Amino acid sequence: MTDDVRNIVLGVIAAGISAALGWIARTCLWRRKLHRKQAFFGLPRNSECLLVVNRDAGGDGAVHRHDVFALLELSALIKDCSAHAQILSHDVAQQGFGERTEFCVGGPGSNRRMAAHLHSLLPGVKVNTDPEPGPDRAAFQIGSERYRVEKGVVEYVLLARLTVSQDARPVFLFCGQRAITNQAASRYLARNYEKLARKHGNNTFCLLLKVVNSQAYGPDVVELVADVTRAAQTPVPAPRNSHRATG
């Protein structure tokens, strides 16, 4: 074998080894990224989860189209984790939480399951569900702060990841003032879950998001207002009854 042939053979072998090492490295990084994603969402391979959806109040029991879009966003995340989803209406999802990951979509006015989760897990959050028109309709009360909706201009949504114990599967809440904000929150989660996982790990958090000018930009322009975890988990003190002295 001449020197030229030997150099060519060695070059081909070196290139093959480099390609194999590169493939192994990329595969390891992909698997590590996937495992972090599965851990954050509580969705190990072939696991089951719940998608709990509300009903459009004015749609004869139909699901609002923006909530359907939210379900599609979440379904893509679930598929990426090699998990499986069961879609349930809020009024038939009568089971506990922690055994399976749950994604709950819709405000408490149209989603009984959401109302139960807020009451049990986020007692510091109050949502005005009065159907009568008024400035406080659908407003959020979080601690001492109130957030009113300006339809199509400024709207708010809560995005929460909640767990009741270290080993329990999480519950994700998408509680918006309008259906389009539920879609905005699901899209925000899909785009930012890596950043959220780095910041919060697999712990509980509750974020208040603002959807800006949805009448022009749809669900795409979303701003993080604040991490309201502590306020949302702190029960609001009951108002004290005033007593007037008699005599």
C-alpha atoms as a PDB file:
ATOM      1  CA  MET A   1       0.000   0.000   0.000  1.00  0.00           C
ATOM      2  CA  THR A   2       1.455   3.319  -1.029  1.00  0.00           C
ATOM      3  CA  ASP A   3       1.594   6.324   1.289  1.00  0.00           C
ATOM      4  CA  ASP A   4      -1.092   8.119  -0.725  1.00  0.00           C
ATOM      5  CA  VAL A   5      -3.502   5.191  -0.483  1.00  0.00           C
ATOM      6  CA  ARG A   6      -2.772   4.774   3.218  1.00  0.00           C
ATOM      7  CA  ASN A   7      -3.450   8.473   3.838  1.00  0.00           C
ATOM      8  CA  ILE A   8      -6.734   8.252   1.949  1.00  0.00           C
ATOM      9  CA  VAL A   9      -7.813   5.198   3.938  1.00  0.00           C
ATOM     10  CA  LEU A  10      -6.850   6.850   7.235  1.00  0.00           C
ATOM     11  CA  GLY A  11      -8.708   9.995   6.202  1.00  0.00           C
ATOM     12  CA  VAL A  12     -11.859   8.019   5.393  1.00  0.00           C
ATOM     13  CA  ILE A  13     -11.612   6.173   8.724  1.00  0.00           C
ATOM     14  CA  ALA A  14     -11.087   9.424  10.628  1.00  0.00           C
ATOM     15  CA  ALA A  15     -14.049  11.011   8.854  1.00  0.00           C
ATOM     16  CA  GLY A  16     -16.217   8.013   9.693  1.00  0.00           C
ATOM     17  CA  ILE A  17     -15.198   8.103  13.346  1.00  0.00           C
ATOM     18  CA  SER A  18     -15.849  11.852  13.532  1.00  0.00           C
ATOM     19  CA  ALA A  19     -19.283  11.423  11.937  1.00  0.00           C
ATOM     20  CA  ALA A  20     -20.141   8.602  14.343  1.00  0.00           C
ATOM     21  CA  LEU A  21     -19.013  10.616  17.369  1.00  0.00           C
ATOM     22  CA  GLY A  22     -20.977  13.619  16.121  1.00  0.00           C
ATOM     23  CA  TRP A  23     -24.096  11.487  15.684  1.00  0.00           C
ATOM     24  CA  ILE A  24     -23.679  10.006  19.172  1.00  0.00           C
ATOM     25  CA  ALA A  25     -23.218  13.468  20.678  1.00  0.00           C
ATOM     26  CA  ARG A  26     -26.294  14.852  18.909  1.00  0.00           C
ATOM     27  CA  THR A  27     -28.328  11.834  19.961  1.00  0.00           C
ATOM     28  CA  CYS A  28     -27.263  12.233  23.593  1.00  0.00           C
ATOM     29  CA  LEU A  29     -28.143  15.943  23.553  1.00  0.00           C
ATOM     30  CA  TRP A  30     -31.510  15.197  21.930  1.00  0.00           C
ATOM     31  CA  ARG A  31     -32.294  12.519  24.505  1.00  0.00           C
ATOM     32  CA  ARG A  32     -31.254  14.786  27.393  1.00  0.00           C
ATOM     33  CA  LYS A  33     -33.445  17.580  26.031  1.00  0.00           C
ATOM     34  CA  LEU A  34     -36.346  15.151  25.601  1.00  0.00           C
ATOM     35  CA  HIS A  35     -35.964  13.803  29.141  1.00  0.00           C
ATOM     36  CA  ARG A  36     -35.985  17.350  30.564  1.00  0.00           C
ATOM     37  CA  LYS A  37     -39.110  18.099  28.553  1.00  0.00           C
ATOM     38  CA  GLN A  38     -40.819  14.903  29.705  1.00  0.00           C
ATOM     39  CA  ALA A  39     -39.901  15.651  33.334  1.00  0.00           C
ATOM     40  CA  PHE A  40     -41.212  19.226  33.156  1.00  0.00           C
ATOM     41  CA  PHE A  41     -44.540  18.141  31.697  1.00  0.00           C
ATOM     42  CA  GLY A  42     -44.752  14.951  33.751  1.00  0.00           C
ATOM     43  CA  LEU A  43     -45.057  12.932  30.569  1.00  0.00           C
ATOM     44  CA  PRO A  44     -42.726   9.926  30.447  1.00  0.00           C
ATOM     45  CA  ARG A  45     -42.841   7.804  27.300  1.00  0.00           C
ATOM     46  CA  ASN A  46     -46.219   6.099  26.668  1.00  0.00           C
ATOM     47  CA  SER A  47     -47.811   7.833  29.671  1.00  0.00           C
ATOM     48  CA  GLU A  48     -51.408   9.070  29.700  1.00  0.00           C
ATOM     49  CA  CYS A  49     -52.594  12.616  30.349  1.00  0.00           C
ATOM     50  CA  LEU A  50     -55.844  14.577  30.388  1.00  0.00           C
ATOM     51  CA  LEU A  51     -56.917  17.532  28.265  1.00  0.00           C
ATOM     52  CA  VAL A  52     -59.869  19.112  30.070  1.00  0.00           C
ATOM     53  CA  VAL A  53     -61.732  21.611  27.931  1.00  0.00           C
ATOM     54  CA  ASN A  54     -64.524  24.052  28.689  1.00  0.00           C
ATOM     55  CA  ARG A  55     -67.630  24.771  26.667  1.00  0.00           C
ATOM     56  CA  ASP A  56     -68.388  27.982  24.791  1.00  0.00           C
ATOM     57  CA  ALA A  57     -71.232  29.592  26.725  1.00  0.00           C
ATOM     58  CA  GLY A  58     -72.871  30.927  23.574  1.00  0.00           C
ATOM     59  CA  GLY A  59     -72.199  27.984  21.324  1.00  0.00           C
ATOM     60  CA  ASP A  60     -74.776  25.374  22.368  1.00  0.00           C
ATOM     61  CA  GLY A  61     -72.170  23.277  24.143  1.00  0.00           C
ATOM     62  CA  ALA A  62     -69.551  23.610  21.408  1.00  0.00           C
ATOM     63  CA  VAL A  63     -65.878  24.254  22.143  1.00  0.00           C
ATOM     64  CA  HIS A  64     -64.717  27.734  21.162  1.00  0.00           C
ATOM     65  CA  ARG A  65     -62.399  27.701  18.145  1.00  0.00           C
ATOM     66  CA  HIS A  66     -59.581  29.407  20.069  1.00  0.00           C
ATOM     67  CA  ASP A  67     -59.816  26.696  22.725  1.00  0.00           C
ATOM     68  CA  VAL A  68     -59.568  24.118  19.938  1.00  0.00           C
ATOM     69  CA  PHE A  69     -56.388  25.861  18.778  1.00  0.00           C
ATOM     70  CA  ALA A  70     -55.096  25.710  22.357  1.00  0.00           C
ATOM     71  CA  LEU A  71     -55.738  21.964  22.417  1.00  0.00           C
ATOM     72  CA  LEU A  72     -53.806  21.589  19.168  1.00  0.00           C
ATOM     73  CA  GLU A  73     -50.823  23.453  20.660  1.00  0.00           C
ATOM     74  CA  LEU A  74     -50.883  21.176  23.698  1.00  0.00           C
ATOM     75  CA  SER A  75     -51.397  18.031  21.634  1.00  0.00           C
ATOM     76  CA  ALA A  76     -48.168  18.763  19.745  1.00  0.00           C
ATOM     77  CA  LEU A  77     -46.265  19.024  23.053  1.00  0.00           C
ATOM     78  CA  ILE A  78     -47.764  15.760  24.257  1.00  0.00           C
ATOM     79  CA  LYS A  79     -46.881  13.982  21.014  1.00  0.00           C
ATOM     80  CA  ASP A  80     -43.284  15.251  21.235  1.00  0.00           C
ATOM     81  CA  CYS A  81     -43.038  13.563  24.640  1.00  0.00           C
ATOM     82  CA  SER A  82     -44.313  10.265  23.132  1.00  0.00           C
ATOM     83  CA  ALA A  83     -47.311  10.413  25.481  1.00  0.00           C
ATOM     84  CA  HIS A  84     -51.042   9.989  24.872  1.00  0.00           C
ATOM     85  CA  ALA A  85     -53.925  12.344  25.642  1.00  0.00           C
ATOM     86  CA  GLN A  86     -57.543  11.830  26.590  1.00  0.00           C
ATOM     87  CA  ILE A  87     -59.831  14.786  25.943  1.00  0.00           C
ATOM     88  CA  LEU A  88     -62.613  15.318  28.487  1.00  0.00           C
ATOM     89  CA  SER A  89     -65.280  17.940  28.888  1.00  0.00           C
ATOM     90  CA  HIS A  90     -65.044  19.858  32.158  1.00  0.00           C
ATOM     91  CA  ASP A  91     -68.366  18.519  33.412  1.00  0.00           C
ATOM     92  CA  VAL A  92     -67.358  14.846  33.141  1.00  0.00           C
ATOM     93  CA  ALA A  93     -63.778  15.081  34.445  1.00  0.00           C
ATOM     94  CA  GLN A  94     -64.670  13.868  37.925  1.00  0.00           C
ATOM     95  CA  GLN A  95     -61.392  12.550  39.294  1.00  0.00           C
ATOM     96  CA  GLY A  96     -58.519  13.622  41.476  1.00  0.00           C
ATOM     97  CA  PHE A  97     -55.204  15.029  40.349  1.00  0.00           C
ATOM     98  CA  GLY A  98     -51.604  13.901  40.620  1.00  0.00           C
ATOM     99  CA  GLU A  99     -51.841  10.464  38.990  1.00  0.00           C
ATOM    100  CA  ARG A 100     -51.822  11.817  35.430  1.00  0.00           C
ATOM    101  CA  THR A 101     -50.663  15.115  33.999  1.00  0.00           C
ATOM    102  CA  GLU A 102     -53.613  17.397  33.318  1.00  0.00           C
ATOM    103  CA  PHE A 103     -53.987  20.385  31.013  1.00  0.00           C
ATOM    104  CA  CYS A 104     -57.084  22.386  31.986  1.00  0.00           C
ATOM    105  CA  VAL A 105     -58.279  25.060  29.558  1.00  0.00           C
ATOM    106  CA  GLY A 106     -60.806  27.852  30.185  1.00  0.00           C
ATOM    107  CA  GLY A 107     -61.980  30.236  32.874  1.00  0.00           C
ATOM    108  CA  PRO A 108     -64.022  29.168  35.913  1.00  0.00           C
ATOM    109  CA  GLY A 109     -67.208  30.599  34.446  1.00  0.00           C
ATOM    110  CA  SER A 110     -67.269  27.956  31.702  1.00  0.00           C
ATOM    111  CA  ASN A 111     -65.079  25.261  33.244  1.00  0.00           C
ATOM    112  CA  ARG A 112     -66.128  23.653  36.520  1.00  0.00           C
ATOM    113  CA  ARG A 113     -62.837  21.801  36.734  1.00  0.00           C
ATOM    114  CA  MET A 114     -60.940  25.092  36.542  1.00  0.00           C
ATOM    115  CA  ALA A 115     -63.139  26.555  39.271  1.00  0.00           C
ATOM    116  CA  ALA A 116     -62.328  23.577  41.511  1.00  0.00           C
ATOM    117  CA  HIS A 117     -58.585  23.884  40.833  1.00  0.00           C
ATOM    118  CA  LEU A 118     -58.578  27.597  41.629  1.00  0.00           C
ATOM    119  CA  HIS A 119     -60.491  26.993  44.843  1.00  0.00           C
ATOM    120  CA  SER A 120     -58.230  24.165  45.984  1.00  0.00           C
ATOM    121  CA  LEU A 121     -54.810  25.090  44.632  1.00  0.00           C
ATOM    122  CA  LEU A 122     -54.875  28.868  44.019  1.00  0.00           C
ATOM    123  CA  PRO A 123     -57.163  30.286  46.707  1.00  0.00           C
ATOM    124  CA  GLY A 124     -55.687  33.764  46.282  1.00  0.00           C
ATOM    125  CA  VAL A 125     -57.186  34.062  42.795  1.00  0.00           C
ATOM    126  CA  LYS A 126     -60.717  35.333  42.365  1.00  0.00           C
ATOM    127  CA  VAL A 127     -62.375  35.639  38.966  1.00  0.00           C
ATOM    128  CA  ASN A 128     -65.540  37.647  38.409  1.00  0.00           C
ATOM    129  CA  THR A 129     -67.899  35.220  36.667  1.00  0.00           C
ATOM    130  CA  ASP A 130     -70.933  37.535  36.724  1.00  0.00           C
ATOM    131  CA  PRO A 131     -72.545  37.236  33.263  1.00  0.00           C
ATOM    132  CA  GLU A 132     -73.966  40.764  33.440  1.00  0.00           C
ATOM    133  CA  PRO A 133     -71.999  43.449  31.547  1.00  0.00           C
ATOM    134  CA  GLY A 134     -69.864  45.728  33.675  1.00  0.00           C
ATOM    135  CA  PRO A 135     -66.308  47.016  34.133  1.00  0.00           C
ATOM    136  CA  ASP A 136     -65.371  44.103  36.397  1.00  0.00           C
ATOM    137  CA  ARG A 137     -66.796  41.324  34.251  1.00  0.00           C
ATOM    138  CA  ALA A 138     -64.154  38.544  33.940  1.00  0.00           C
ATOM    139  CA  ALA A 139     -61.726  40.618  36.037  1.00  0.00           C
ATOM    140  CA  PHE A 140     -58.980  38.850  37.997  1.00  0.00           C
ATOM    141  CA  GLN A 141     -58.403  39.612  41.656  1.00  0.00           C
ATOM    142  CA  ILE A 142     -54.980  38.317  42.727  1.00  0.00           C
ATOM    143  CA  GLY A 143     -54.150  39.294  46.273  1.00  0.00           C
ATOM    144  CA  SER A 144     -54.841  43.024  46.432  1.00  0.00           C
ATOM    145  CA  GLU A 145     -54.443  43.621  42.679  1.00  0.00           C
ATOM    146  CA  ARG A 146     -57.271  43.694  40.151  1.00  0.00           C
ATOM    147  CA  TYR A 147     -56.862  43.116  36.436  1.00  0.00           C
ATOM    148  CA  ARG A 148     -59.731  44.145  34.171  1.00  0.00           C
ATOM    149  CA  VAL A 149     -60.229  43.062  30.598  1.00  0.00           C
ATOM    150  CA  GLU A 150     -60.297  45.534  27.704  1.00  0.00           C
ATOM    151  CA  LYS A 151     -61.673  43.350  24.946  1.00  0.00           C
ATOM    152  CA  GLY A 152     -59.295  43.122  22.022  1.00  0.00           C
ATOM    153  CA  VAL A 153     -56.839  45.581  23.600  1.00  0.00           C
ATOM    154  CA  VAL A 154     -55.552  44.261  26.931  1.00  0.00           C
ATOM    155  CA  GLU A 155     -56.549  40.845  28.259  1.00  0.00           C
ATOM    156  CA  TYR A 156     -55.044  38.637  30.947  1.00  0.00           C
ATOM    157  CA  VAL A 157     -54.506  34.917  31.411  1.00  0.00           C
ATOM    158  CA  LEU A 158     -53.030  32.783  34.166  1.00  0.00           C
ATOM    159  CA  LEU A 159     -50.549  30.090  33.208  1.00  0.00           C
ATOM    160  CA  ALA A 160     -49.832  27.752  36.100  1.00  0.00           C
ATOM    161  CA  ARG A 161     -47.956  24.535  36.745  1.00  0.00           C
ATOM    162  CA  LEU A 162     -49.169  23.017  40.010  1.00  0.00           C
ATOM    163  CA  THR A 163     -48.173  19.936  41.958  1.00  0.00           C
ATOM    164  CA  VAL A 164     -49.401  18.634  45.296  1.00  0.00           C
ATOM    165  CA  SER A 165     -46.286  16.562  46.066  1.00  0.00           C
ATOM    166  CA  GLN A 166     -42.843  15.822  44.683  1.00  0.00           C
ATOM    167  CA  ASP A 167     -43.945  12.575  43.027  1.00  0.00           C
ATOM    168  CA  ALA A 168     -47.308  13.803  41.744  1.00  0.00           C
ATOM    169  CA  ARG A 169     -47.895  14.604  38.085  1.00  0.00           C
ATOM    170  CA  PRO A 170     -48.489  18.315  37.425  1.00  0.00           C
ATOM    171  CA  VAL A 171     -51.670  20.172  36.581  1.00  0.00           C
ATOM    172  CA  PHE A 172     -51.297  22.929  33.985  1.00  0.00           C
ATOM    173  CA  LEU A 173     -53.913  25.691  34.051  1.00  0.00           C
ATOM    174  CA  PHE A 174     -54.734  28.028  31.176  1.00  0.00           C
ATOM    175  CA  CYS A 175     -57.231  30.377  32.800  1.00  0.00           C
ATOM    176  CA  GLY A 176     -57.973  33.333  30.540  1.00  0.00           C
ATOM    177  CA  GLN A 177     -60.429  36.187  30.453  1.00  0.00           C
ATOM    178  CA  ARG A 178     -61.327  35.241  26.861  1.00  0.00           C
ATOM    179  CA  ALA A 179     -60.830  32.124  24.757  1.00  0.00           C
ATOM    180  CA  ILE A 180     -58.116  33.750  22.661  1.00  0.00           C
ATOM    181  CA  THR A 181     -56.043  34.257  25.817  1.00  0.00           C
ATOM    182  CA  ASN A 182     -56.186  30.523  26.532  1.00  0.00           C
ATOM    183  CA  GLN A 183     -54.645  29.920  23.117  1.00  0.00           C
ATOM    184  CA  ALA A 184     -52.071  32.642  23.807  1.00  0.00           C
ATOM    185  CA  ALA A 185     -51.050  30.947  27.079  1.00  0.00           C
ATOM    186  CA  SER A 186     -50.714  27.514  25.458  1.00  0.00           C
ATOM    187  CA  ARG A 187     -48.581  29.014  22.692  1.00  0.00           C
ATOM    188  CA  TYR A 188     -46.464  30.860  25.273  1.00  0.00           C
ATOM    189  CA  LEU A 189     -45.878  27.572  27.099  1.00  0.00           C
ATOM    190  CA  ALA A 190     -44.928  25.780  23.882  1.00  0.00           C
ATOM    191  CA  ARG A 191     -42.408  28.482  22.994  1.00  0.00           C
ATOM    192  CA  ASN A 192     -40.949  29.052  26.455  1.00  0.00           C
ATOM    193  CA  TYR A 193     -41.102  25.740  28.322  1.00  0.00           C
ATOM    194  CA  GLU A 194     -37.310  25.353  28.265  1.00  0.00           C
ATOM    195  CA  LYS A 195     -36.821  28.754  29.884  1.00  0.00           C
ATOM    196  CA  LEU A 196     -39.565  28.009  32.420  1.00  0.00           C
ATOM    197  CA  ALA A 197     -38.011  24.621  33.224  1.00  0.00           C
ATOM    198  CA  ARG A 198     -34.619  26.229  33.831  1.00  0.00           C
ATOM    199  CA  LYS A 199     -36.115  28.857  36.117  1.00  0.00           C
ATOM    200  CA  HIS A 200     -38.698  26.825  38.029  1.00  0.00           C
ATOM    201  CA  GLY A 201     -37.490  23.264  37.619  1.00  0.00           C
ATOM    202  CA  ASN A 202     -40.340  20.851  38.298  1.00  0.00           C
ATOM    203  CA  ASN A 203     -41.850  23.090  40.971  1.00  0.00           C
ATOM    204  CA  THR A 204     -45.138  24.943  41.201  1.00  0.00           C
ATOM    205  CA  PHE A 205     -45.476  28.340  39.550  1.00  0.00           C
ATOM    206  CA  CYS A 206     -48.257  30.703  38.524  1.00  0.00           C
ATOM    207  CA  LEU A 207     -47.625  33.411  35.938  1.00  0.00           C
ATOM    208  CA  LEU A 208     -49.841  36.318  34.963  1.00  0.00           C
ATOM    209  CA  LEU A 209     -49.605  37.012  31.230  1.00  0.00           C
ATOM    210  CA  LYS A 210     -50.966  39.954  29.271  1.00  0.00           C
ATOM    211  CA  VAL A 211     -52.236  39.506  25.719  1.00  0.00           C
ATOM    212  CA  VAL A 212     -51.734  42.750  23.821  1.00  0.00           C
ATOM    213  CA  ASN A 213     -54.015  43.970  21.032  1.00  0.00           C
ATOM    214  CA  SER A 214     -55.498  40.591  20.154  1.00  0.00           C
ATOM    215  CA  GLN A 215     -57.891  42.243  17.705  1.00  0.00           C
ATOM    216  CA  ALA A 216     -54.863  42.969  15.500  1.00  0.00           C
ATOM    217  CA  TYR A 217     -52.237  40.413  16.528  1.00  0.00           C
ATOM    218  CA  GLY A 218     -54.336  37.478  17.668  1.00  0.00           C
ATOM    219  CA  PRO A 219     -52.672  35.325  20.360  1.00  0.00           C
ATOM    220  CA  ASP A 220     -49.088  36.106  19.312  1.00  0.00           C
ATOM    221  CA  VAL A 221     -48.144  39.183  21.366  1.00  0.00           C
ATOM    222  CA  VAL A 222     -47.874  38.080  24.991  1.00  0.00           C
ATOM    223  CA  GLU A 223     -46.070  39.807  27.850  1.00  0.00           C
ATOM    224  CA  LEU A 224     -45.155  38.397  31.239  1.00  0.00           C
ATOM    225  CA  VAL A 225     -46.705  40.697  33.842  1.00  0.00           C
ATOM    226  CA  ALA A 226     -45.529  38.964  37.007  1.00  0.00           C
ATOM    227  CA  ASP A 227     -44.860  35.721  38.809  1.00  0.00           C
ATOM    228  CA  VAL A 228     -47.869  35.680  41.143  1.00  0.00           C
ATOM    229  CA  THR A 229     -47.257  32.264  42.690  1.00  0.00           C
ATOM    230  CA  ARG A 230     -47.097  33.438  46.291  1.00  0.00           C
ATOM    231  CA  ALA A 231     -50.119  35.746  46.066  1.00  0.00           C
ATOM    232  CA  ALA A 232     -52.151  33.132  44.173  1.00  0.00           C
ATOM    233  CA  GLN A 233     -51.452  30.464  46.803  1.00  0.00           C
ATOM    234  CA  THR A 234     -52.243  32.727  49.762  1.00  0.00           C
ATOM    235  CA  PRO A 235     -55.939  32.627  50.726  1.00  0.00           C
ATOM    236  CA  VAL A 236     -57.646  35.998  50.659  1.00  0.00           C
ATOM    237  CA  PRO A 237     -58.673  36.963  54.207  1.00  0.00           C
ATOM    238  CA  ALA A 238     -62.412  37.020  54.736  1.00  0.00           C
ATOM    239  CA  PRO A 239     -63.720  40.547  55.286  1.00  0.00           C
ATOM    240  CA  ARG A 240     -64.306  41.382  58.908  1.00  0.00           C
ATOM    241  CA  ASN A 241     -67.823  42.231  59.973  1.00  0.00           C
ATOM    242  CA  SER A 242     -68.072  45.706  61.381  1.00  0.00           C
ATOM    243  CA  HIS A 243     -69.857  46.066  64.714  1.00  0.00           C
ATOM    244  CA  ARG A 244     -71.534  49.292  65.747  1.00  0.00           C
ATOM    245  CA  ALA A 245     -71.721  49.968  69.462  1.00  0.00           C
ATOM    246  CA  THR A 246     -75.198  50.158  70.877  1.00  0.00           C
ATOM    247  CA  GLY A 247     -76.383  51.658  74.066  1.00  0.00           C
END
